Amino acid sequence: MLERLFEGAIWNSRFVVLLAVIFGLLGAIILFVVASMDIWGVAVETFNSIITHHHSETFHEDIVSGIIGAVDLYLIAVVMFIFSFGLYELFISDIEAAAGKNGSKLLAIENLDQLKDKIAKVIVMVLVVNFFQRVIHTKFETPLEMLYFAGSITLLALGLYFLGMVGKKKETKVEDK
């Protein structure tokens, strides 16, 4: 009887994961709101600049940078959503609404490795977006700097290619079984 009580307590301790799920979702919602406010700010600033015909030297760069920054926040919010849904499905219960005809296979998580892979792919996309946001404000002054820039884009493209190949090989193996 003592063993059954202890095992029940251990099993029910998994509900502490709900804290991570709830606050992960809250963090995602906050990031979506902040990113949307950033986009709204860029839109208002752009509209005001067009109306007043007053453009700074970096007008286009600022617009693109602001929007890319918001996309970066949206992607981080998606990481938080995937993390929260995945933890819930792994530790608490399957989400019935996700299994229906309107459900999304994107959020279906069956094991910890699958959760890790999905989060890793989105994090890589966050890093790519962040890279391009930083490149916008970089001034290249020497041919060597341009060569470094071209090399970094090449390495980034190769990394994305191989990341896509890893996912395809796993999907093919699962389909073959």
C-alpha atoms as a PDB file:
ATOM      1  CA  MET A   1       0.000   0.000   0.000  1.00  0.00           C
ATOM      2  CA  LEU A   2       2.852   2.388   0.832  1.00  0.00           C
ATOM      3  CA  GLU A   3       4.443   1.568  -2.518  1.00  0.00           C
ATOM      4  CA  ARG A   4       1.187   2.337  -4.364  1.00  0.00           C
ATOM      5  CA  LEU A   5       0.850   5.702  -2.574  1.00  0.00           C
ATOM      6  CA  PHE A   6       4.466   6.587  -3.323  1.00  0.00           C
ATOM      7  CA  GLU A   7       4.158   5.616  -6.999  1.00  0.00           C
ATOM      8  CA  GLY A   8       0.924   7.599  -7.264  1.00  0.00           C
ATOM      9  CA  ALA A   9       2.646  10.651  -5.792  1.00  0.00           C
ATOM     10  CA  ILE A  10       5.554  10.265  -8.190  1.00  0.00           C
ATOM     11  CA  TRP A  11       3.211   9.882 -11.165  1.00  0.00           C
ATOM     12  CA  ASN A  12       1.104  12.894 -10.176  1.00  0.00           C
ATOM     13  CA  SER A  13       4.222  15.029  -9.706  1.00  0.00           C
ATOM     14  CA  ARG A  14       4.296  15.295 -13.503  1.00  0.00           C
ATOM     15  CA  PHE A  15       1.609  17.963 -13.188  1.00  0.00           C
ATOM     16  CA  VAL A  16       4.297  20.427 -12.105  1.00  0.00           C
ATOM     17  CA  VAL A  17       5.014  20.604 -15.845  1.00  0.00           C
ATOM     18  CA  LEU A  18       1.785  22.593 -16.126  1.00  0.00           C
ATOM     19  CA  LEU A  19       3.717  25.575 -14.767  1.00  0.00           C
ATOM     20  CA  ALA A  20       6.056  25.456 -17.753  1.00  0.00           C
ATOM     21  CA  VAL A  21       3.099  24.955 -20.111  1.00  0.00           C
ATOM     22  CA  ILE A  22       1.081  27.877 -18.720  1.00  0.00           C
ATOM     23  CA  PHE A  23       3.981  30.311 -18.488  1.00  0.00           C
ATOM     24  CA  GLY A  24       5.356  29.171 -21.857  1.00  0.00           C
ATOM     25  CA  LEU A  25       1.999  29.995 -23.439  1.00  0.00           C
ATOM     26  CA  LEU A  26       1.898  33.303 -21.581  1.00  0.00           C
ATOM     27  CA  GLY A  27       5.398  34.106 -22.848  1.00  0.00           C
ATOM     28  CA  ALA A  28       4.352  33.239 -26.407  1.00  0.00           C
ATOM     29  CA  ILE A  29       1.289  35.472 -26.205  1.00  0.00           C
ATOM     30  CA  ILE A  30       3.399  38.337 -24.809  1.00  0.00           C
ATOM     31  CA  LEU A  31       5.913  37.924 -27.650  1.00  0.00           C
ATOM     32  CA  PHE A  32       3.111  37.936 -30.246  1.00  0.00           C
ATOM     33  CA  VAL A  33       1.706  41.142 -28.756  1.00  0.00           C
ATOM     34  CA  VAL A  34       5.122  42.850 -28.578  1.00  0.00           C
ATOM     35  CA  ALA A  35       5.990  41.826 -32.161  1.00  0.00           C
ATOM     36  CA  SER A  36       2.624  43.086 -33.384  1.00  0.00           C
ATOM     37  CA  MET A  37       3.172  46.382 -31.572  1.00  0.00           C
ATOM     38  CA  ASP A  38       6.601  46.644 -33.232  1.00  0.00           C
ATOM     39  CA  ILE A  39       5.011  46.136 -36.663  1.00  0.00           C
ATOM     40  CA  TRP A  40       2.359  48.712 -35.796  1.00  0.00           C
ATOM     41  CA  GLY A  41       5.098  51.170 -34.769  1.00  0.00           C
ATOM     42  CA  VAL A  42       6.928  50.637 -38.066  1.00  0.00           C
ATOM     43  CA  ALA A  43       3.669  51.143 -39.972  1.00  0.00           C
ATOM     44  CA  VAL A  44       2.882  54.400 -38.131  1.00  0.00           C
ATOM     45  CA  GLU A  45       6.437  55.689 -38.601  1.00  0.00           C
ATOM     46  CA  THR A  46       6.364  54.795 -42.305  1.00  0.00           C
ATOM     47  CA  PHE A  47       2.988  56.452 -42.804  1.00  0.00           C
ATOM     48  CA  ASN A  48       4.142  59.614 -41.013  1.00  0.00           C
ATOM     49  CA  SER A  49       7.322  59.737 -43.106  1.00  0.00           C
ATOM     50  CA  ILE A  50       5.335  59.372 -46.314  1.00  0.00           C
ATOM     51  CA  ILE A  51       2.846  62.079 -45.323  1.00  0.00           C
ATOM     52  CA  THR A  52       5.509  64.570 -44.206  1.00  0.00           C
ATOM     53  CA  HIS A  53       7.930  63.649 -47.018  1.00  0.00           C
ATOM     54  CA  HIS A  54      10.674  63.462 -44.392  1.00  0.00           C
ATOM     55  CA  HIS A  55      12.889  60.410 -44.862  1.00  0.00           C
ATOM     56  CA  SER A  56      16.092  59.770 -42.995  1.00  0.00           C
ATOM     57  CA  GLU A  57      19.140  58.318 -44.734  1.00  0.00           C
ATOM     58  CA  THR A  58      18.422  54.939 -43.167  1.00  0.00           C
ATOM     59  CA  PHE A  59      14.635  55.021 -43.772  1.00  0.00           C
ATOM     60  CA  HIS A  60      14.452  51.774 -45.744  1.00  0.00           C
ATOM     61  CA  GLU A  61      16.951  49.989 -43.511  1.00  0.00           C
ATOM     62  CA  ASP A  62      14.984  50.990 -40.410  1.00  0.00           C
ATOM     63  CA  ILE A  63      11.720  49.710 -41.873  1.00  0.00           C
ATOM     64  CA  VAL A  64      13.213  46.384 -42.925  1.00  0.00           C
ATOM     65  CA  SER A  65      15.089  46.008 -39.651  1.00  0.00           C
ATOM     66  CA  GLY A  66      11.953  46.712 -37.619  1.00  0.00           C
ATOM     67  CA  ILE A  67       9.917  44.163 -39.537  1.00  0.00           C
ATOM     68  CA  ILE A  68      12.674  41.538 -39.391  1.00  0.00           C
ATOM     69  CA  GLY A  69      12.945  42.143 -35.644  1.00  0.00           C
ATOM     70  CA  ALA A  70       9.215  41.486 -35.307  1.00  0.00           C
ATOM     71  CA  VAL A  71       9.523  38.304 -37.376  1.00  0.00           C
ATOM     72  CA  ASP A  72      12.290  37.250 -35.006  1.00  0.00           C
ATOM     73  CA  LEU A  73       9.957  37.738 -32.037  1.00  0.00           C
ATOM     74  CA  TYR A  74       7.154  35.843 -33.806  1.00  0.00           C
ATOM     75  CA  LEU A  75       9.512  32.911 -34.391  1.00  0.00           C
ATOM     76  CA  ILE A  76      10.569  32.887 -30.741  1.00  0.00           C
ATOM     77  CA  ALA A  77       6.867  32.923 -29.802  1.00  0.00           C
ATOM     78  CA  VAL A  78       6.364  29.888 -32.054  1.00  0.00           C
ATOM     79  CA  VAL A  79       9.207  28.134 -30.190  1.00  0.00           C
ATOM     80  CA  MET A  80       7.378  28.830 -26.942  1.00  0.00           C
ATOM     81  CA  PHE A  81       4.106  27.451 -28.351  1.00  0.00           C
ATOM     82  CA  ILE A  82       5.754  24.287 -29.650  1.00  0.00           C
ATOM     83  CA  PHE A  83       7.555  23.882 -26.336  1.00  0.00           C
ATOM     84  CA  SER A  84       4.353  24.322 -24.310  1.00  0.00           C
ATOM     85  CA  PHE A  85       2.223  22.030 -26.472  1.00  0.00           C
ATOM     86  CA  GLY A  86       4.970  19.435 -26.595  1.00  0.00           C
ATOM     87  CA  LEU A  87       5.462  19.381 -22.838  1.00  0.00           C
ATOM     88  CA  TYR A  88       1.723  19.074 -22.319  1.00  0.00           C
ATOM     89  CA  GLU A  89       1.421  16.168 -24.742  1.00  0.00           C
ATOM     90  CA  LEU A  90       4.495  14.398 -23.379  1.00  0.00           C
ATOM     91  CA  PHE A  91       3.757  14.715 -19.668  1.00  0.00           C
ATOM     92  CA  ILE A  92       0.034  15.336 -19.222  1.00  0.00           C
ATOM     93  CA  SER A  93      -2.216  14.168 -22.067  1.00  0.00           C
ATOM     94  CA  ASP A  94      -2.740  14.232 -25.820  1.00  0.00           C
ATOM     95  CA  ILE A  95      -4.544  17.343 -27.019  1.00  0.00           C
ATOM     96  CA  GLU A  96      -7.799  15.988 -28.471  1.00  0.00           C
ATOM     97  CA  ALA A  97      -8.485  19.098 -30.557  1.00  0.00           C
ATOM     98  CA  ALA A  98      -5.139  18.631 -32.329  1.00  0.00           C
ATOM     99  CA  ALA A  99      -6.039  15.066 -33.314  1.00  0.00           C
ATOM    100  CA  GLY A 100      -9.273  16.069 -35.071  1.00  0.00           C
ATOM    101  CA  LYS A 101      -9.715  16.991 -38.706  1.00  0.00           C
ATOM    102  CA  ASN A 102      -8.839  20.627 -37.938  1.00  0.00           C
ATOM    103  CA  GLY A 103      -5.739  19.592 -36.012  1.00  0.00           C
ATOM    104  CA  SER A 104      -2.184  20.333 -36.982  1.00  0.00           C
ATOM    105  CA  LYS A 105       0.541  17.732 -37.332  1.00  0.00           C
ATOM    106  CA  LEU A 106       3.032  20.517 -36.720  1.00  0.00           C
ATOM    107  CA  LEU A 107       2.178  20.485 -33.025  1.00  0.00           C
ATOM    108  CA  ALA A 108       1.863  16.710 -32.662  1.00  0.00           C
ATOM    109  CA  ILE A 109       4.688  15.605 -30.377  1.00  0.00           C
ATOM    110  CA  GLU A 110       5.220  11.907 -29.683  1.00  0.00           C
ATOM    111  CA  ASN A 111       8.601  11.900 -27.926  1.00  0.00           C
ATOM    112  CA  LEU A 112      11.238  14.196 -26.487  1.00  0.00           C
ATOM    113  CA  ASP A 113      13.508  13.881 -29.540  1.00  0.00           C
ATOM    114  CA  GLN A 114      10.704  15.045 -31.818  1.00  0.00           C
ATOM    115  CA  LEU A 115      10.076  18.053 -29.544  1.00  0.00           C
ATOM    116  CA  LYS A 116      13.788  18.836 -29.514  1.00  0.00           C
ATOM    117  CA  ASP A 117      14.018  18.609 -33.330  1.00  0.00           C
ATOM    118  CA  LYS A 118      11.055  20.917 -33.891  1.00  0.00           C
ATOM    119  CA  ILE A 119      12.334  23.486 -31.430  1.00  0.00           C
ATOM    120  CA  ALA A 120      15.860  23.278 -32.868  1.00  0.00           C
ATOM    121  CA  LYS A 121      14.613  23.980 -36.399  1.00  0.00           C
ATOM    122  CA  VAL A 122      12.696  27.052 -35.302  1.00  0.00           C
ATOM    123  CA  ILE A 123      15.665  28.267 -33.248  1.00  0.00           C
ATOM    124  CA  VAL A 124      17.892  27.944 -36.323  1.00  0.00           C
ATOM    125  CA  MET A 125      15.379  30.066 -38.239  1.00  0.00           C
ATOM    126  CA  VAL A 126      15.471  32.641 -35.420  1.00  0.00           C
ATOM    127  CA  LEU A 127      19.256  32.761 -35.760  1.00  0.00           C
ATOM    128  CA  VAL A 128      19.006  33.157 -39.540  1.00  0.00           C
ATOM    129  CA  VAL A 129      16.540  36.028 -39.206  1.00  0.00           C
ATOM    130  CA  ASN A 130      18.713  37.625 -36.517  1.00  0.00           C
ATOM    131  CA  PHE A 131      21.750  37.294 -38.802  1.00  0.00           C
ATOM    132  CA  PHE A 132      20.006  39.148 -41.620  1.00  0.00           C
ATOM    133  CA  GLN A 133      18.776  41.837 -39.239  1.00  0.00           C
ATOM    134  CA  ARG A 134      22.366  42.492 -38.152  1.00  0.00           C
ATOM    135  CA  VAL A 135      23.693  42.400 -41.716  1.00  0.00           C
ATOM    136  CA  ILE A 136      21.334  45.200 -42.742  1.00  0.00           C
ATOM    137  CA  HIS A 137      23.187  47.642 -40.478  1.00  0.00           C
ATOM    138  CA  THR A 138      26.679  46.396 -41.318  1.00  0.00           C
ATOM    139  CA  LYS A 139      28.869  48.590 -43.483  1.00  0.00           C
ATOM    140  CA  PHE A 140      31.318  46.657 -45.637  1.00  0.00           C
ATOM    141  CA  GLU A 141      34.431  48.689 -46.309  1.00  0.00           C
ATOM    142  CA  THR A 142      36.985  46.235 -47.683  1.00  0.00           C
ATOM    143  CA  PRO A 143      36.853  43.425 -50.225  1.00  0.00           C
ATOM    144  CA  LEU A 144      37.840  40.984 -47.476  1.00  0.00           C
ATOM    145  CA  GLU A 145      34.747  41.949 -45.454  1.00  0.00           C
ATOM    146  CA  MET A 146      32.595  41.303 -48.537  1.00  0.00           C
ATOM    147  CA  LEU A 147      34.284  37.923 -48.926  1.00  0.00           C
ATOM    148  CA  TYR A 148      33.507  37.090 -45.289  1.00  0.00           C
ATOM    149  CA  PHE A 149      29.903  38.139 -45.892  1.00  0.00           C
ATOM    150  CA  ALA A 150      29.606  35.930 -48.981  1.00  0.00           C
ATOM    151  CA  GLY A 151      31.190  33.048 -47.078  1.00  0.00           C
ATOM    152  CA  SER A 152      28.795  33.435 -44.158  1.00  0.00           C
ATOM    153  CA  ILE A 153      25.797  33.381 -46.514  1.00  0.00           C
ATOM    154  CA  THR A 154      27.188  30.261 -48.213  1.00  0.00           C
ATOM    155  CA  LEU A 155      27.706  28.517 -44.863  1.00  0.00           C
ATOM    156  CA  LEU A 156      24.251  29.557 -43.734  1.00  0.00           C
ATOM    157  CA  ALA A 157      22.693  28.147 -46.907  1.00  0.00           C
ATOM    158  CA  LEU A 158      24.617  24.890 -46.498  1.00  0.00           C
ATOM    159  CA  GLY A 159      23.516  24.616 -42.881  1.00  0.00           C
ATOM    160  CA  LEU A 160      19.870  25.125 -43.827  1.00  0.00           C
ATOM    161  CA  TYR A 161      20.200  22.579 -46.631  1.00  0.00           C
ATOM    162  CA  PHE A 162      21.610  19.924 -44.295  1.00  0.00           C
ATOM    163  CA  LEU A 163      19.039  20.738 -41.621  1.00  0.00           C
ATOM    164  CA  GLY A 164      16.305  20.121 -44.202  1.00  0.00           C
ATOM    165  CA  MET A 165      17.930  16.872 -45.282  1.00  0.00           C
ATOM    166  CA  VAL A 166      18.025  15.529 -41.714  1.00  0.00           C
ATOM    167  CA  GLY A 167      14.272  16.002 -41.347  1.00  0.00           C
ATOM    168  CA  LYS A 168      13.555  14.348 -44.698  1.00  0.00           C
ATOM    169  CA  LYS A 169      15.634  11.276 -43.904  1.00  0.00           C
ATOM    170  CA  LYS A 170      13.829  10.790 -40.590  1.00  0.00           C
ATOM    171  CA  GLU A 171      10.418  11.179 -42.258  1.00  0.00           C
ATOM    172  CA  THR A 172      11.368   8.691 -44.986  1.00  0.00           C
ATOM    173  CA  LYS A 173      12.490   6.105 -42.419  1.00  0.00           C
ATOM    174  CA  VAL A 174       9.223   6.480 -40.489  1.00  0.00           C
ATOM    175  CA  GLU A 175       7.149   6.124 -43.686  1.00  0.00           C
ATOM    176  CA  ASP A 176       9.087   2.989 -44.711  1.00  0.00           C
ATOM    177  CA  LYS A 177       8.231   1.265 -41.431  1.00  0.00           C
END
